[in-house]
Amino acid sequence: MPESATLVGYDEAVSRYEPLIGLETHVELGTTTKLFCGCPATFGGEPNTHVCPVCLGLPGSLPVPSRAAIEYTIRIGLALNCSIAEWCRFARKNYFYPDMPKNFQISQYDEPLCTDGWLDVVLDESEAGADGSPRTFRVGIERVHLEEDTGKSQHMGGATGRIHGADYSLVDYNRAGIPLVEIVTKPVEGTGPLAPKVAHAYVTELRDLLRSLGVSDVRMEEGSLRCDVNTSLSPRESGRWGTRTETKNVNSLRSVERAVEYEIERQAAVLDAGARVIQETRHFHEDSGITTPGRSKEEAQDYRYFPEPDLVPLAPPRDWVEQIRATLPELPAVRRARLQEAWGITAAEMTNIRNAGALDLVEQTIAAGASPADARKWWLNELARRAKDTGAELASLPITPAGVAAVAALVGSGALNDRLARQVIEGVLAGEGTPDQVVAARGLAVVSDDTALAAAVDEAIAAHPDVADKIRGGKVAAAAALVGAVMKATRGQADASRVRELILARLSES
């Protein structure tokens, strides 16, 4: 069936076909050095400057495993409720690829370090069950294994950045040998129409888990978290699985969801036409939201795995594994439930905080003295807007949680109103000092002294006699217009509630 064929609408597709998904997630570990050598495992750097004979695969060089990488992998396995192998081995995976310096990859094959775990994922409130309770799916974890990453090919001269149409290619081996953990799920059954949402929720929860463990910065935009999404369809109630496709290297949470949606619509159209789905890899296009064919996987590729002869087997001592288990932090789902109860907020409000990447910031702001409502208000509104306008991450804004708590305290005390508080935040972000210093330098304190306000109130009444007459006639709501006039005259620095009281008092005397 041609790729340009009309898709089947999503609702129609899932009414007749049962989706089955599986995810393979690659995580670059945040170790100081690479997996088998002492080269720095940092992102960036001039091409081919973070290399040595070991990660370039030069003759005579021998790998030495990183204890930190093995420990990080065990931490991940324990957090995912996996069994940790008492004995396992590295294996050589043989295949030719330009960015594989040795023409083989040191990986794990039939003896991974971590096996048979699970991760519970909860969909947001919009996907609640019929009784209103959150929908939870348990995603089985088949394996967590450790391997070395490849280098990176750069295809030059073409319009798409891919090899097709490029004039030539360059290879940067800085990434080659960085420790990479692959987390492979079991087939996720029973999701029905929620398959894309479950995929999105799983990768989100996994990302939060990995970040809390301190094993990776999980920056999808930098490639330290990459996801391959497997999707298949079968007729409902058929009791069999369909032929899967593997959409490679999806690099954002939203794209994981979109890739599953598109493949369901595309495969349904293929099956409706009486054709068969081809087992293949596919590329997801961020701009159009479609997938296109990669390479066929109709025939199993023989990677000629065999035990790595230059490395002894791994046998993590049980007491070491238990020491690692004892250092695991509070896991994200448990932490969110605890904070939601402590702060007295709804599941939807917690979802908003999480989606904004503001959970740590809000918690620290509350610890600095702000109320949960004030902390959420400033981080999710004013500061989130400023982060979006500048293209920055919320946590990278040059204002601390203590600074936000100070702004909230100034508003709470009546020293500032919200309008002035926004100007204070603007000053702090511009590097003008602490909130108190910005207030003093800009003269932003609220004016609540009756003597200072009286003249502005009298001027507003004189300038708007028709409004004043309405108030005298009993239409008290009209006072808002006069309050606005006073606020404008005082550049927003008047105490609005006190201004309203003064206006009503003046007009009740006349």
Protein backbone atom coordinates (compact mmCIF):
# COMPACT_ATOMS: atom_id res chain seq x y z
CA MET A 1 0.00 0.00 0.00
CA PRO A 2 1.53 3.37 -0.93
CA GLU A 3 2.69 5.61 1.93
CA SER A 4 0.53 8.46 0.66
CA ALA A 5 -2.71 6.50 1.07
CA THR A 6 -5.52 7.99 3.13
CA LEU A 7 -5.29 7.18 6.82
CA VAL A 8 -8.10 5.65 8.83
CA GLY A 9 -9.45 8.03 11.50
CA TYR A 10 -8.10 7.21 14.95
CA ASP A 11 -11.46 6.52 16.63
CA GLU A 12 -12.51 4.26 13.77
CA ALA A 13 -9.17 2.43 13.82
CA VAL A 14 -9.29 1.58 17.53
CA SER A 15 -12.96 0.55 17.28
CA ARG A 16 -11.98 -2.32 14.97
CA TYR A 17 -8.37 -3.05 15.86
CA GLU A 18 -6.54 -3.72 19.11
CA PRO A 19 -3.23 -1.84 19.49
CA LEU A 20 -0.19 -3.46 21.08
CA ILE A 21 2.78 -1.31 22.03
CA GLY A 22 6.26 -1.85 23.40
CA LEU A 23 9.02 0.64 24.14
CA GLU A 24 12.79 0.45 24.05
CA THR A 25 14.38 3.39 25.83
CA HIS A 26 18.07 4.22 25.62
CA VAL A 27 19.52 6.27 28.46
CA GLU A 28 22.99 7.80 28.46
CA LEU A 29 24.30 7.51 31.99
CA GLY A 30 25.70 10.59 33.71
CA THR A 31 29.01 9.04 34.71
CA THR A 32 32.20 11.09 34.69
CA THR A 33 33.95 8.79 32.24
CA LYS A 34 32.99 6.46 29.42
CA LEU A 35 32.05 2.83 29.99
CA PHE A 36 35.38 1.16 29.22
CA CYS A 37 37.93 3.99 29.31
CA GLY A 38 38.81 7.23 31.08
CA CYS A 39 37.60 9.66 28.41
CA PRO A 40 35.10 12.28 29.61
CA ALA A 41 31.46 11.30 29.11
CA THR A 42 30.25 14.87 28.61
CA PHE A 43 27.88 16.23 25.96
CA GLY A 44 29.39 18.46 23.29
CA GLY A 45 33.05 19.33 22.81
CA GLU A 46 34.91 19.74 19.56
CA PRO A 47 34.49 16.66 17.35
CA ASN A 48 36.79 13.75 18.12
CA THR A 49 38.42 15.35 21.15
CA HIS A 50 36.93 13.02 23.82
CA VAL A 51 38.57 9.89 22.42
CA CYS A 52 41.41 7.48 23.14
CA PRO A 53 42.71 4.15 21.74
CA VAL A 54 40.09 2.18 23.72
CA CYS A 55 36.94 3.99 22.53
CA LEU A 56 38.40 4.24 19.01
CA GLY A 57 38.94 0.48 18.98
CA LEU A 58 42.61 0.66 18.11
CA PRO A 59 44.61 -2.60 18.09
CA GLY A 60 46.08 -3.59 21.43
CA SER A 61 43.69 -1.52 23.56
CA LEU A 62 41.67 -3.30 26.26
CA PRO A 63 38.41 -2.24 27.95
CA VAL A 64 38.06 -1.80 31.72
CA PRO A 65 34.45 -1.58 32.98
CA SER A 66 33.28 1.48 34.90
CA ARG A 67 32.12 0.59 38.42
CA ALA A 68 29.93 3.71 38.45
CA ALA A 69 28.12 2.64 35.26
CA ILE A 70 27.40 -0.79 36.71
CA GLU A 71 26.16 0.77 39.95
CA TYR A 72 23.89 3.18 38.04
CA THR A 73 22.42 0.29 36.04
CA ILE A 74 21.69 -1.65 39.23
CA ARG A 75 20.03 1.47 40.71
CA ILE A 76 17.76 1.67 37.67
CA GLY A 77 16.94 -2.04 37.87
CA LEU A 78 16.08 -1.88 41.56
CA ALA A 79 13.87 1.20 41.08
CA LEU A 80 12.06 -0.70 38.31
CA ASN A 81 11.44 -3.69 40.59
CA CYS A 82 13.80 -5.91 38.59
CA SER A 83 15.77 -8.94 39.67
CA ILE A 84 19.52 -8.25 39.66
CA ALA A 85 21.61 -11.00 38.11
CA GLU A 86 24.08 -12.76 40.38
CA TRP A 87 26.21 -13.50 37.31
CA CYS A 88 26.04 -12.06 33.80
CA ARG A 89 28.30 -11.26 30.88
CA PHE A 90 29.00 -8.67 28.25
CA ALA A 91 28.72 -9.80 24.63
CA ARG A 92 29.98 -8.61 21.30
CA LYS A 93 27.28 -7.49 18.89
CA ASN A 94 28.83 -7.58 15.44
CA TYR A 95 27.69 -5.29 12.65
CA PHE A 96 29.25 -2.77 10.33
CA TYR A 97 28.24 0.83 10.72
CA PRO A 98 30.37 3.94 10.09
CA ASP A 99 29.99 5.27 13.63
CA MET A 100 31.05 1.96 15.23
CA PRO A 101 34.84 2.29 15.49
CA LYS A 102 35.46 -1.40 16.27
CA ASN A 103 32.77 -2.76 13.90
CA PHE A 104 31.22 -4.38 16.98
CA GLN A 105 29.44 -3.04 20.04
CA ILE A 106 30.04 -4.31 23.56
CA SER A 107 26.54 -4.96 24.83
CA GLN A 108 24.60 -7.65 26.72
CA TYR A 109 22.61 -10.35 24.94
CA ASP A 110 21.00 -13.30 26.72
CA GLU A 111 22.46 -12.46 30.13
CA PRO A 112 21.37 -8.92 31.04
CA LEU A 113 22.11 -7.33 34.39
CA CYS A 114 18.45 -6.65 35.32
CA THR A 115 15.31 -8.59 34.36
CA ASP A 116 11.58 -8.98 34.96
CA GLY A 117 10.49 -5.71 36.56
CA TRP A 118 7.58 -3.29 36.25
CA LEU A 119 6.62 0.37 36.41
CA ASP A 120 3.13 1.64 37.22
CA VAL A 121 1.98 4.64 35.20
CA VAL A 122 -1.06 6.76 36.00
CA LEU A 123 -2.89 8.64 33.27
CA ASP A 124 -3.96 12.20 33.99
CA GLU A 125 -7.43 13.12 35.19
CA SER A 126 -8.79 13.58 31.65
CA GLU A 127 -8.48 9.81 31.16
CA ALA A 128 -10.09 8.78 34.45
CA GLY A 129 -12.12 5.59 34.65
CA ALA A 130 -15.90 5.43 34.66
CA ASP A 131 -15.91 5.82 38.46
CA GLY A 132 -13.68 8.90 38.25
CA SER A 133 -10.64 7.12 39.66
CA PRO A 134 -7.23 7.48 37.95
CA ARG A 135 -6.39 4.90 35.28
CA THR A 136 -3.26 2.96 36.21
CA PHE A 137 -1.38 0.62 33.86
CA ARG A 138 1.41 -1.68 34.97
CA VAL A 139 4.08 -1.76 32.27
CA GLY A 140 6.22 -4.88 32.51
CA ILE A 141 9.99 -4.48 32.13
CA GLU A 142 11.61 -7.30 30.15
CA ARG A 143 15.23 -6.28 30.74
CA VAL A 144 17.63 -3.49 31.62
CA HIS A 145 21.06 -3.98 30.12
CA LEU A 146 24.28 -2.01 29.82
CA GLU A 147 26.14 -1.28 26.58
CA GLU A 148 28.37 1.31 24.97
CA ASP A 149 26.94 4.06 22.80
CA THR A 150 27.98 4.63 19.22
CA GLY A 151 29.53 7.70 17.63
CA LYS A 152 27.46 10.14 15.63
CA SER A 153 27.35 10.48 11.85
CA GLN A 154 26.76 13.92 10.37
CA HIS A 155 25.53 13.96 6.78
CA MET A 156 26.60 17.18 5.08
CA GLY A 157 25.22 19.06 2.10
CA GLY A 158 21.71 17.61 1.94
CA ALA A 159 18.42 19.29 2.71
CA THR A 160 17.21 16.84 5.38
CA GLY A 161 20.34 15.99 7.36
CA ARG A 162 19.94 12.34 6.36
CA ILE A 163 22.34 10.31 4.27
CA HIS A 164 20.06 10.35 1.22
CA GLY A 165 20.93 13.45 -0.78
CA ALA A 166 24.01 14.30 1.28
CA ASP A 167 27.28 15.21 -0.45
CA TYR A 168 29.47 13.54 2.18
CA SER A 169 29.41 12.33 5.78
CA LEU A 170 31.55 13.03 8.84
CA VAL A 171 31.82 10.97 12.01
CA ASP A 172 32.26 12.31 15.54
CA TYR A 173 33.42 9.64 17.99
CA ASN A 174 33.02 11.74 21.15
CA ARG A 175 29.86 9.79 22.02
CA ALA A 176 31.38 6.39 21.23
CA GLY A 177 31.81 4.40 24.43
CA ILE A 178 29.55 6.51 26.64
CA PRO A 179 27.64 4.12 28.95
CA LEU A 180 24.17 3.47 27.62
CA VAL A 181 21.40 1.61 29.40
CA GLU A 182 18.62 0.06 27.33
CA ILE A 183 15.29 -0.46 29.09
CA VAL A 184 12.99 -2.82 27.19
CA THR A 185 9.34 -3.24 28.13
CA LYS A 186 7.27 -6.35 27.72
CA PRO A 187 4.39 -6.01 25.23
CA VAL A 188 1.85 -3.64 26.80
CA GLU A 189 -1.57 -5.21 26.31
CA GLY A 190 -5.07 -4.01 27.13
CA THR A 191 -4.54 -0.30 26.52
CA GLY A 192 -7.15 -0.04 23.75
CA PRO A 193 -7.69 3.53 22.57
CA LEU A 194 -5.40 4.79 25.33
CA ALA A 195 -2.25 3.24 23.78
CA PRO A 196 -0.70 6.61 22.77
CA LYS A 197 -1.48 8.09 26.20
CA VAL A 198 0.02 5.08 27.99
CA ALA A 199 3.19 5.34 25.88
CA HIS A 200 3.48 9.06 26.72
CA ALA A 201 2.81 8.44 30.41
CA TYR A 202 5.35 5.60 30.59
CA VAL A 203 8.20 7.61 29.09
CA THR A 204 7.29 10.59 31.29
CA GLU A 205 7.29 8.48 34.46
CA LEU A 206 10.50 6.73 33.43
CA ARG A 207 12.19 10.08 32.75
CA ASP A 208 11.16 11.39 36.18
CA LEU A 209 12.35 8.17 37.81
CA LEU A 210 15.77 8.31 36.15
CA ARG A 211 16.18 11.96 37.06
CA SER A 212 15.32 11.27 40.71
CA LEU A 213 17.92 8.47 40.79
CA GLY A 214 20.61 10.90 39.64
CA VAL A 215 21.84 8.53 36.94
CA SER A 216 21.19 10.73 33.87
CA ASP A 217 20.13 14.25 32.94
CA VAL A 218 17.55 12.59 30.60
CA ARG A 219 17.61 15.47 28.12
CA MET A 220 15.75 14.18 25.09
CA GLU A 221 16.82 17.20 23.04
CA GLU A 222 20.49 16.28 23.60
CA GLY A 223 19.97 12.57 22.95
CA SER A 224 20.61 11.37 26.50
CA LEU A 225 17.13 9.81 26.45
CA ARG A 226 16.01 8.21 23.19
CA CYS A 227 12.95 6.07 22.60
CA ASP A 228 12.08 3.43 19.99
CA VAL A 229 8.33 2.81 19.81
CA ASN A 230 6.95 -0.56 18.66
CA THR A 231 3.36 -0.60 17.44
CA SER A 232 1.15 -3.31 15.99
CA LEU A 233 -2.55 -3.86 15.32
CA SER A 234 -4.71 -6.96 15.27
CA PRO A 235 -8.46 -7.35 14.70
CA ARG A 236 -10.33 -7.00 17.98
CA GLU A 237 -11.11 -10.28 19.73
CA SER A 238 -8.78 -12.16 17.35
CA GLY A 239 -6.55 -13.37 20.17
CA ARG A 240 -3.39 -12.85 18.14
CA TRP A 241 -0.76 -10.15 17.79
CA GLY A 242 -0.16 -8.17 14.63
CA THR A 243 3.09 -7.41 12.82
CA ARG A 244 4.98 -4.65 14.56
CA THR A 245 6.87 -1.65 13.27
CA GLU A 246 9.65 0.06 15.20
CA THR A 247 9.70 3.86 15.07
CA LYS A 248 13.29 4.83 15.89
CA ASN A 249 14.81 7.55 18.04
CA VAL A 250 11.69 9.52 18.92
CA ASN A 251 13.03 12.53 20.79
CA SER A 252 10.19 14.19 22.71
CA LEU A 253 7.40 13.05 24.99
CA ARG A 254 4.68 14.46 22.75
CA SER A 255 6.26 12.78 19.73
CA VAL A 256 6.07 9.37 21.43
CA GLU A 257 2.31 9.84 21.62
CA ARG A 258 2.03 11.17 18.07
CA ALA A 259 4.12 8.33 16.65
CA VAL A 260 1.81 5.70 18.16
CA GLU A 261 -1.29 7.57 16.95
CA TYR A 262 0.04 7.83 13.41
CA GLU A 263 1.12 4.20 13.21
CA ILE A 264 -2.31 3.05 14.41
CA GLU A 265 -4.03 5.14 11.71
CA ARG A 266 -1.54 4.03 9.04
CA GLN A 267 -1.58 0.33 9.87
CA ALA A 268 -5.38 0.30 10.04
CA ALA A 269 -5.46 1.68 6.48
CA VAL A 270 -2.99 -1.01 5.34
CA LEU A 271 -5.06 -3.80 6.89
CA ASP A 272 -8.35 -2.36 5.57
CA ALA A 273 -6.89 -2.47 2.07
CA GLY A 274 -6.20 -6.19 2.42
CA ALA A 275 -2.43 -5.68 2.50
CA ARG A 276 -0.04 -6.71 5.23
CA VAL A 277 1.99 -4.55 7.56
CA ILE A 278 5.70 -4.81 6.80
CA GLN A 279 7.96 -5.46 9.77
CA GLU A 280 10.43 -2.59 9.52
CA THR A 281 11.99 0.36 11.25
CA ARG A 282 10.41 3.74 10.60
CA HIS A 283 11.46 7.37 11.03
CA PHE A 284 9.22 9.89 12.79
CA HIS A 285 9.09 13.41 11.33
CA GLU A 286 8.55 16.09 13.95
CA ASP A 287 7.30 18.69 11.48
CA SER A 288 4.56 16.61 9.83
CA GLY A 289 3.86 14.02 12.53
CA ILE A 290 4.17 11.12 10.08
CA THR A 291 6.47 8.10 9.91
CA THR A 292 8.32 6.88 6.83
CA PRO A 293 10.03 3.53 6.12
CA GLY A 294 13.56 2.82 7.31
CA ARG A 295 15.03 -0.64 6.89
CA SER A 296 13.24 -3.95 6.65
CA LYS A 297 13.24 -6.32 9.61
CA GLU A 298 11.39 -9.09 7.79
CA GLU A 299 14.44 -11.31 8.21
CA ALA A 300 16.20 -11.47 11.54
CA GLN A 301 19.64 -9.90 11.32
CA ASP A 302 22.43 -12.15 12.57
CA TYR A 303 24.59 -10.07 14.89
CA ARG A 304 26.77 -13.11 15.70
CA TYR A 305 26.69 -12.46 19.42
CA PHE A 306 29.36 -14.16 21.52
CA PRO A 307 30.78 -13.51 25.01
CA GLU A 308 33.17 -10.57 25.09
CA PRO A 309 36.62 -12.21 25.37
CA ASP A 310 38.33 -9.13 26.83
CA LEU A 311 36.01 -8.84 29.85
CA VAL A 312 35.39 -11.18 32.76
CA PRO A 313 31.76 -11.92 33.76
CA LEU A 314 29.94 -9.54 36.12
CA ALA A 315 28.98 -10.95 39.51
CA PRO A 316 27.62 -8.10 41.67
CA PRO A 317 27.97 -9.10 45.35
CA ARG A 318 24.59 -9.33 47.10
CA ASP A 319 25.71 -7.05 49.92
CA TRP A 320 26.69 -4.38 47.36
CA VAL A 321 23.28 -4.66 45.67
CA GLU A 322 21.57 -4.24 49.04
CA GLN A 323 23.74 -1.22 49.86
CA ILE A 324 22.62 0.33 46.57
CA ARG A 325 18.98 -0.49 47.36
CA ALA A 326 19.31 1.26 50.72
CA THR A 327 20.41 4.49 48.99
CA LEU A 328 17.45 4.70 46.59
CA PRO A 329 15.57 8.00 46.98
CA GLU A 330 11.84 8.41 47.43
CA LEU A 331 10.45 7.48 44.04
CA PRO A 332 8.59 10.15 42.03
CA ALA A 333 5.08 8.67 42.23
CA VAL A 334 5.35 8.26 46.01
CA ARG A 335 6.73 11.77 46.38
CA ARG A 336 3.97 13.34 44.28
CA ALA A 337 1.27 11.58 46.31
CA ARG A 338 2.85 12.77 49.57
CA LEU A 339 3.20 16.38 48.41
CA GLN A 340 -0.29 16.47 46.91
CA GLU A 341 -1.76 15.50 50.28
CA ALA A 342 0.52 17.84 52.24
CA TRP A 343 -0.29 20.80 50.00
CA GLY A 344 -4.01 20.08 49.82
CA ILE A 345 -4.16 20.25 46.03
CA THR A 346 -6.03 18.23 43.43
CA ALA A 347 -4.58 15.63 41.09
CA ALA A 348 -5.11 18.06 38.21
CA GLU A 349 -3.13 20.78 40.00
CA MET A 350 -0.29 18.34 40.69
CA THR A 351 -0.32 17.34 37.01
CA ASN A 352 0.04 20.99 36.02
CA ILE A 353 3.02 21.43 38.36
CA ARG A 354 4.65 18.28 37.02
CA ASN A 355 4.06 19.15 33.37
CA ALA A 356 5.62 22.58 33.94
CA GLY A 357 8.74 20.98 35.41
CA ALA A 358 8.13 22.99 38.57
CA LEU A 359 7.79 20.35 41.28
CA ASP A 360 11.21 20.91 42.85
CA LEU A 361 10.83 24.68 42.54
CA VAL A 362 7.41 24.76 44.16
CA GLU A 363 8.55 22.47 46.98
CA GLN A 364 11.62 24.62 47.67
CA THR A 365 9.54 27.81 47.56
CA ILE A 366 7.12 26.39 50.12
CA ALA A 367 10.08 25.33 52.27
CA ALA A 368 11.26 28.96 52.09
CA GLY A 369 8.00 30.15 53.65
CA ALA A 370 5.46 30.60 50.84
CA SER A 371 2.04 29.01 50.91
CA PRO A 372 1.38 26.19 48.39
CA ALA A 373 -1.10 28.45 46.58
CA ASP A 374 1.38 31.32 46.27
CA ALA A 375 4.24 29.06 45.18
CA ARG A 376 2.10 27.50 42.43
CA LYS A 377 0.72 30.88 41.39
CA TRP A 378 4.08 32.53 40.76
CA TRP A 379 5.93 29.59 39.20
CA LEU A 380 3.10 28.37 36.96
CA ASN A 381 1.92 31.79 35.78
CA GLU A 382 4.30 34.76 35.74
CA LEU A 383 7.56 32.81 35.79
CA ALA A 384 6.37 30.11 33.38
CA ARG A 385 5.34 32.88 30.97
CA ARG A 386 8.74 34.53 31.19
CA ALA A 387 10.50 31.21 30.66
CA LYS A 388 8.41 30.56 27.57
CA ASP A 389 9.04 34.05 26.19
CA THR A 390 12.81 33.62 26.50
CA GLY A 391 12.94 29.96 25.48
CA ALA A 392 14.51 29.05 28.82
CA GLU A 393 13.78 26.22 31.20
CA LEU A 394 11.89 27.28 34.30
CA ALA A 395 14.66 26.10 36.63
CA SER A 396 17.27 28.12 34.73
CA LEU A 397 15.60 31.49 35.38
CA PRO A 398 17.86 33.73 37.53
CA ILE A 399 15.52 33.76 40.51
CA THR A 400 15.68 31.38 43.44
CA PRO A 401 12.78 29.69 45.24
CA ALA A 402 13.73 31.83 48.26
CA GLY A 403 13.40 34.92 46.06
CA VAL A 404 9.94 33.86 44.91
CA ALA A 405 8.95 33.22 48.53
CA ALA A 406 10.16 36.74 49.40
CA VAL A 407 7.99 38.23 46.64
CA ALA A 408 4.99 36.25 47.92
CA ALA A 409 5.67 37.50 51.46
CA LEU A 410 5.76 41.12 50.28
CA VAL A 411 2.39 40.66 48.58
CA GLY A 412 0.99 38.91 51.64
CA SER A 413 2.06 41.73 53.93
CA GLY A 414 0.46 44.35 51.72
CA ALA A 415 3.79 45.93 50.80
CA LEU A 416 3.22 44.95 47.16
CA ASN A 417 0.24 44.16 45.00
CA ASP A 418 0.38 41.64 42.14
CA ARG A 419 1.16 44.29 39.54
CA LEU A 420 4.10 45.63 41.51
CA ALA A 421 5.23 42.11 42.34
CA ARG A 422 5.53 41.37 38.63
CA GLN A 423 7.77 44.42 38.28
CA VAL A 424 9.89 43.17 41.18
CA ILE A 425 10.27 39.79 39.49
CA GLU A 426 11.24 41.58 36.29
CA GLY A 427 13.98 43.42 38.21
CA VAL A 428 15.29 40.27 39.89
CA LEU A 429 15.45 38.48 36.51
CA ALA A 430 17.32 41.48 35.09
CA GLY A 431 19.99 41.12 37.77
CA GLU A 432 19.02 44.18 39.83
CA GLY A 433 19.33 42.34 43.13
CA THR A 434 17.06 40.67 45.67
CA PRO A 435 13.32 41.46 45.80
CA ASP A 436 13.87 43.91 48.69
CA GLN A 437 16.67 45.64 46.78
CA VAL A 438 14.53 45.95 43.64
CA VAL A 439 11.63 47.39 45.66
CA ALA A 440 13.92 50.00 47.19
CA ALA A 441 15.75 50.88 43.96
CA ARG A 442 12.59 51.19 41.87
CA GLY A 443 10.42 52.73 44.60
CA LEU A 444 7.76 50.09 44.14
CA ALA A 445 6.19 49.88 47.59
CA VAL A 446 2.40 50.06 47.81
CA VAL A 447 1.07 53.46 48.88
CA SER A 448 -1.47 52.92 51.66
CA ASP A 449 -1.09 56.18 53.60
CA ASP A 450 -4.41 58.06 53.57
CA THR A 451 -2.77 61.45 53.22
CA ALA A 452 -0.87 60.35 50.12
CA LEU A 453 -3.95 58.73 48.60
CA ALA A 454 -6.51 61.43 49.39
CA ALA A 455 -5.37 63.84 46.66
CA ALA A 456 -5.48 61.11 44.01
CA VAL A 457 -8.96 60.04 45.16
CA ASP A 458 -10.26 63.62 45.02
CA GLU A 459 -8.80 64.10 41.52
CA ALA A 460 -10.45 60.87 40.30
CA ILE A 461 -13.85 61.92 41.69
CA ALA A 462 -13.55 65.38 40.13
CA ALA A 463 -12.54 63.92 36.76
CA HIS A 464 -15.45 61.44 36.65
CA PRO A 465 -18.56 63.23 38.05
CA ASP A 466 -20.96 60.88 36.27
CA VAL A 467 -19.38 57.84 37.97
CA ALA A 468 -19.45 59.64 41.30
CA ASP A 469 -23.19 60.32 40.86
CA LYS A 470 -23.86 56.63 40.19
CA ILE A 471 -22.08 55.68 43.41
CA ARG A 472 -24.03 58.31 45.36
CA GLY A 473 -27.16 56.80 43.85
CA GLY A 474 -26.33 53.40 45.31
CA LYS A 475 -24.44 51.73 42.44
CA VAL A 476 -21.41 50.84 44.54
CA ALA A 477 -19.94 48.56 41.84
CA ALA A 478 -19.21 51.70 39.79
CA ALA A 479 -16.43 52.47 42.28
CA ALA A 480 -14.19 50.10 40.31
CA ALA A 481 -13.83 52.76 37.59
CA LEU A 482 -12.58 55.32 40.10
CA VAL A 483 -10.25 52.78 41.73
CA GLY A 484 -8.78 52.13 38.27
CA ALA A 485 -8.24 55.85 37.73
CA VAL A 486 -6.39 56.16 41.05
CA MET A 487 -4.27 53.09 40.28
CA LYS A 488 -3.33 54.59 36.93
CA ALA A 489 -2.43 57.91 38.52
CA THR A 490 -0.24 56.23 41.13
CA ARG A 491 1.42 53.89 38.58
CA GLY A 492 -0.22 50.88 40.22
CA GLN A 493 1.30 51.58 43.61
CA ALA A 494 -1.87 52.46 45.51
CA ASP A 495 -3.46 49.97 47.88
CA ALA A 496 -6.58 49.19 45.83
CA SER A 497 -8.72 48.06 48.77
CA ARG A 498 -7.88 51.19 50.77
CA VAL A 499 -8.55 53.38 47.72
CA ARG A 500 -12.02 51.86 47.40
CA GLU A 501 -12.73 52.52 51.06
CA LEU A 502 -11.66 56.17 50.70
CA ILE A 503 -13.79 56.69 47.58
CA LEU A 504 -16.93 55.30 49.23
CA ALA A 505 -16.26 57.33 52.37
CA ARG A 506 -15.78 60.58 50.37
CA LEU A 507 -18.94 60.10 48.35
CA SER A 508 -21.04 59.13 51.34
CA GLU A 509 -20.12 62.51 52.92
CA SER A 510 -21.27 64.52 49.92
